[in-house]
Amino acid sequence: MKRVKKAILIMFCLFIALFIVVEGFIIYTANKDYENVKYDYVIVLGAKVYGDDVSSPLKYRLDKTIEYVKIDPNIKIVVSGGKGDDEEKAESTVMKNYLIKNGVDRHKIIEENKSRTTYENFKNSFDIVGKSKILVATNDFHMFRSLLLARKVGFIAQPLNVKTPDFIKFKMYIREVPAFFLSYFFNI
């Protein structure tokens, strides 16, 4: 019985240590920003939409993309996100409409509307635009995993970090650790 308790304690300590290490990488990457070089595309990762309205985290992603388009007006944008079971429209369609309403030229926007996971966002976007230098527009908590997956499918990827709304920040940083492992081992 003592051995079992000791084994459980050791496994628990290893789990906590691994959690802290991965969370450290997530936080480190959340504070990085893109290098000042020429990029081919900004890929904006989808998030929850409500009819024609974007969720708060998605609004932050789109607004950051609009800011970047002002810096590099020649950049093309891939909006990536399919239709969730509880969504009326594909996330990409709602994102495209938001960008157009906010002054982005519709001809600069490419829609990827089939993906349902972060891995699929990049795989499907890669199938559309091929090997490219990209900026990944996603919330800070999500960046470490997103860059890992973007590079896994063949992109040369850098972060376009987006602030996470304060009211969900803690929860999202905690849930990102198990999400990282699911992505790393199962391409989710």
Protein backbone atom coordinates (compact mmCIF):
# COMPACT_ATOMS: atom_id res chain seq x y z
CA MET A 1 0.00 0.00 0.00
CA LYS A 2 2.87 2.37 0.78
CA ARG A 3 4.37 1.77 -2.66
CA VAL A 4 1.09 2.59 -4.36
CA LYS A 5 0.78 5.85 -2.42
CA LYS A 6 4.39 6.72 -3.23
CA ALA A 7 3.88 5.93 -6.93
CA ILE A 8 0.73 8.06 -7.02
CA LEU A 9 2.55 10.93 -5.30
CA ILE A 10 5.45 10.72 -7.76
CA MET A 11 3.07 10.65 -10.74
CA PHE A 12 1.16 13.61 -9.33
CA CYS A 13 4.40 15.58 -8.85
CA LEU A 14 5.52 14.73 -12.40
CA PHE A 15 2.15 15.83 -13.73
CA ILE A 16 2.38 19.16 -11.89
CA ALA A 17 5.96 19.69 -13.09
CA LEU A 18 4.97 18.94 -16.70
CA PHE A 19 1.94 21.22 -16.40
CA ILE A 20 4.17 24.06 -15.16
CA VAL A 21 6.72 23.56 -17.96
CA VAL A 22 4.07 23.56 -20.71
CA GLU A 23 2.29 26.54 -19.13
CA GLY A 24 5.65 28.33 -19.10
CA PHE A 25 6.02 27.82 -22.87
CA ILE A 26 2.45 29.01 -23.40
CA ILE A 27 3.08 32.19 -21.40
CA TYR A 28 6.46 32.79 -23.07
CA THR A 29 4.97 32.48 -26.56
CA ALA A 30 2.03 34.67 -25.56
CA ASN A 31 4.47 37.53 -25.04
CA LYS A 32 6.35 37.18 -28.35
CA ASP A 33 5.55 39.19 -31.41
CA TYR A 34 6.23 38.83 -35.10
CA GLU A 35 9.56 39.63 -36.70
CA ASN A 36 9.64 42.65 -38.98
CA VAL A 37 9.84 40.78 -42.29
CA LYS A 38 7.53 40.33 -45.27
CA TYR A 39 4.69 37.84 -44.81
CA ASP A 40 2.45 36.31 -47.47
CA TYR A 41 -0.68 35.84 -45.37
CA VAL A 42 -2.29 36.43 -42.02
CA ILE A 43 -4.27 33.37 -41.01
CA VAL A 44 -7.02 34.32 -38.58
CA LEU A 45 -8.18 31.33 -36.57
CA GLY A 46 -11.89 31.01 -36.02
CA ALA A 47 -13.71 31.06 -32.71
CA LYS A 48 -17.33 31.03 -31.58
CA VAL A 49 -19.83 33.07 -33.59
CA TYR A 50 -23.44 33.92 -32.70
CA GLY A 51 -25.43 34.29 -35.90
CA ASP A 52 -23.73 37.23 -37.63
CA ASP A 53 -21.89 38.35 -34.48
CA VAL A 54 -18.36 37.43 -33.45
CA SER A 55 -17.45 36.40 -29.92
CA SER A 56 -15.23 38.63 -27.83
CA PRO A 57 -12.01 36.60 -28.42
CA LEU A 58 -12.71 36.50 -32.16
CA LYS A 59 -13.36 40.25 -32.29
CA TYR A 60 -9.93 40.82 -30.73
CA ARG A 61 -8.34 38.59 -33.41
CA LEU A 62 -10.08 40.40 -36.24
CA ASP A 63 -9.35 43.87 -34.88
CA LYS A 64 -5.64 43.00 -34.54
CA THR A 65 -5.67 41.78 -38.15
CA ILE A 66 -7.24 45.06 -39.27
CA GLU A 67 -4.46 46.93 -37.43
CA TYR A 68 -1.83 44.83 -39.19
CA VAL A 69 -3.40 45.40 -42.63
CA LYS A 70 -2.78 49.12 -42.07
CA ILE A 71 0.93 48.34 -41.58
CA ASP A 72 1.12 46.01 -44.60
CA PRO A 73 -1.71 46.85 -47.02
CA ASN A 74 -0.55 44.16 -49.49
CA ILE A 75 -1.00 41.25 -47.07
CA LYS A 76 -3.69 38.70 -47.86
CA ILE A 77 -5.91 37.30 -45.13
CA VAL A 78 -7.11 33.74 -44.70
CA VAL A 79 -10.12 33.51 -42.39
CA SER A 80 -10.26 29.92 -41.19
CA GLY A 81 -13.15 28.26 -39.42
CA GLY A 82 -16.03 25.97 -40.28
CA LYS A 83 -19.54 25.77 -38.88
CA GLY A 84 -19.82 24.40 -35.37
CA ASP A 85 -22.79 22.25 -34.36
CA ASP A 86 -24.30 25.16 -32.43
CA GLU A 87 -23.55 27.84 -35.05
CA GLU A 88 -25.83 29.09 -37.82
CA LYS A 89 -23.00 30.05 -40.18
CA ALA A 90 -19.39 29.13 -40.80
CA GLU A 91 -17.02 31.14 -38.62
CA SER A 92 -15.06 32.13 -41.75
CA THR A 93 -18.14 33.73 -43.33
CA VAL A 94 -18.88 35.81 -40.24
CA MET A 95 -15.20 36.79 -39.98
CA LYS A 96 -15.04 37.81 -43.64
CA ASN A 97 -18.17 39.95 -43.26
CA TYR A 98 -16.73 41.60 -40.12
CA LEU A 99 -13.49 42.47 -41.92
CA ILE A 100 -15.33 43.89 -44.93
CA LYS A 101 -17.63 45.97 -42.68
CA ASN A 102 -14.50 47.35 -41.05
CA GLY A 103 -12.86 48.49 -44.27
CA VAL A 104 -10.81 45.50 -45.46
CA ASP A 105 -10.89 44.96 -49.23
CA ARG A 106 -12.93 41.80 -49.90
CA HIS A 107 -10.44 40.76 -52.61
CA LYS A 108 -7.71 40.35 -49.96
CA ILE A 109 -9.75 37.80 -48.00
CA ILE A 110 -9.62 34.05 -48.63
CA GLU A 111 -12.18 31.89 -46.88
CA GLU A 112 -11.44 28.43 -45.46
CA ASN A 113 -14.78 27.16 -44.17
CA LYS A 114 -14.34 23.43 -43.53
CA SER A 115 -12.14 23.23 -40.41
CA ARG A 116 -13.39 22.30 -36.97
CA THR A 117 -10.09 22.06 -35.07
CA THR A 118 -6.94 24.16 -34.90
CA TYR A 119 -5.02 21.49 -36.79
CA GLU A 120 -7.64 21.51 -39.56
CA ASN A 121 -7.44 25.33 -39.69
CA PHE A 122 -3.81 25.03 -40.73
CA LYS A 123 -4.09 21.86 -42.85
CA ASN A 124 -6.98 23.24 -44.89
CA SER A 125 -5.38 26.69 -45.18
CA PHE A 126 -2.13 25.06 -46.34
CA ASP A 127 -4.09 23.18 -49.01
CA ILE A 128 -5.38 26.56 -50.26
CA VAL A 129 -2.25 28.76 -50.12
CA GLY A 130 0.65 26.26 -50.00
CA LYS A 131 3.97 26.74 -48.26
CA SER A 132 4.01 30.37 -47.21
CA LYS A 133 5.33 32.81 -44.63
CA ILE A 134 2.38 33.48 -42.38
CA LEU A 135 1.35 35.41 -39.34
CA VAL A 136 -1.02 33.53 -37.05
CA ALA A 137 -3.70 35.77 -35.57
CA THR A 138 -5.02 34.15 -32.43
CA ASN A 139 -5.34 34.92 -28.76
CA ASP A 140 -2.20 34.84 -26.64
CA PHE A 141 -3.15 31.70 -24.68
CA HIS A 142 -3.61 29.80 -27.97
CA MET A 143 -0.40 30.89 -29.73
CA PHE A 144 2.08 28.23 -28.56
CA ARG A 145 -0.11 25.37 -29.79
CA SER A 146 -1.09 27.23 -32.95
CA LEU A 147 2.50 27.87 -34.01
CA LEU A 148 3.38 24.24 -33.33
CA LEU A 149 0.53 23.05 -35.57
CA ALA A 150 1.18 25.64 -38.30
CA ARG A 151 4.81 24.55 -38.54
CA LYS A 152 3.78 20.89 -38.42
CA VAL A 153 1.78 21.25 -41.65
CA GLY A 154 4.58 23.18 -43.39
CA PHE A 155 4.02 26.89 -42.82
CA ILE A 156 6.80 29.30 -41.89
CA ALA A 157 4.85 30.84 -39.03
CA GLN A 158 5.21 33.78 -36.66
CA PRO A 159 2.81 35.09 -34.00
CA LEU A 160 0.44 37.99 -34.38
CA ASN A 161 -0.48 37.81 -30.72
CA VAL A 162 -3.89 39.00 -29.69
CA LYS A 163 -4.91 39.93 -26.16
CA THR A 164 -7.40 37.63 -24.46
CA PRO A 165 -10.38 39.30 -22.78
CA ASP A 166 -9.70 39.49 -19.04
CA PHE A 167 -12.95 37.79 -18.05
CA ILE A 168 -11.86 34.48 -19.66
CA LYS A 169 -8.07 34.72 -19.48
CA PHE A 170 -7.40 32.48 -16.45
CA LYS A 171 -9.74 29.72 -17.64
CA MET A 172 -8.29 29.74 -21.16
CA TYR A 173 -4.67 29.55 -20.01
CA ILE A 174 -5.49 26.57 -17.77
CA ARG A 175 -7.47 24.67 -20.42
CA GLU A 176 -4.75 25.23 -23.00
CA VAL A 177 -2.35 22.75 -21.34
CA PRO A 178 -4.53 19.66 -21.96
CA ALA A 179 -5.46 21.09 -25.38
CA PHE A 180 -1.73 21.28 -26.19
CA PHE A 181 -1.26 17.58 -25.42
CA LEU A 182 -4.31 16.61 -27.48
CA SER A 183 -2.95 18.63 -30.40
CA TYR A 184 0.58 17.32 -30.02
CA PHE A 185 -0.39 13.66 -29.94
CA PHE A 186 -3.67 13.57 -31.90
CA ASN A 187 -3.61 16.64 -34.24
CA ILE A 188 -6.72 18.12 -32.67
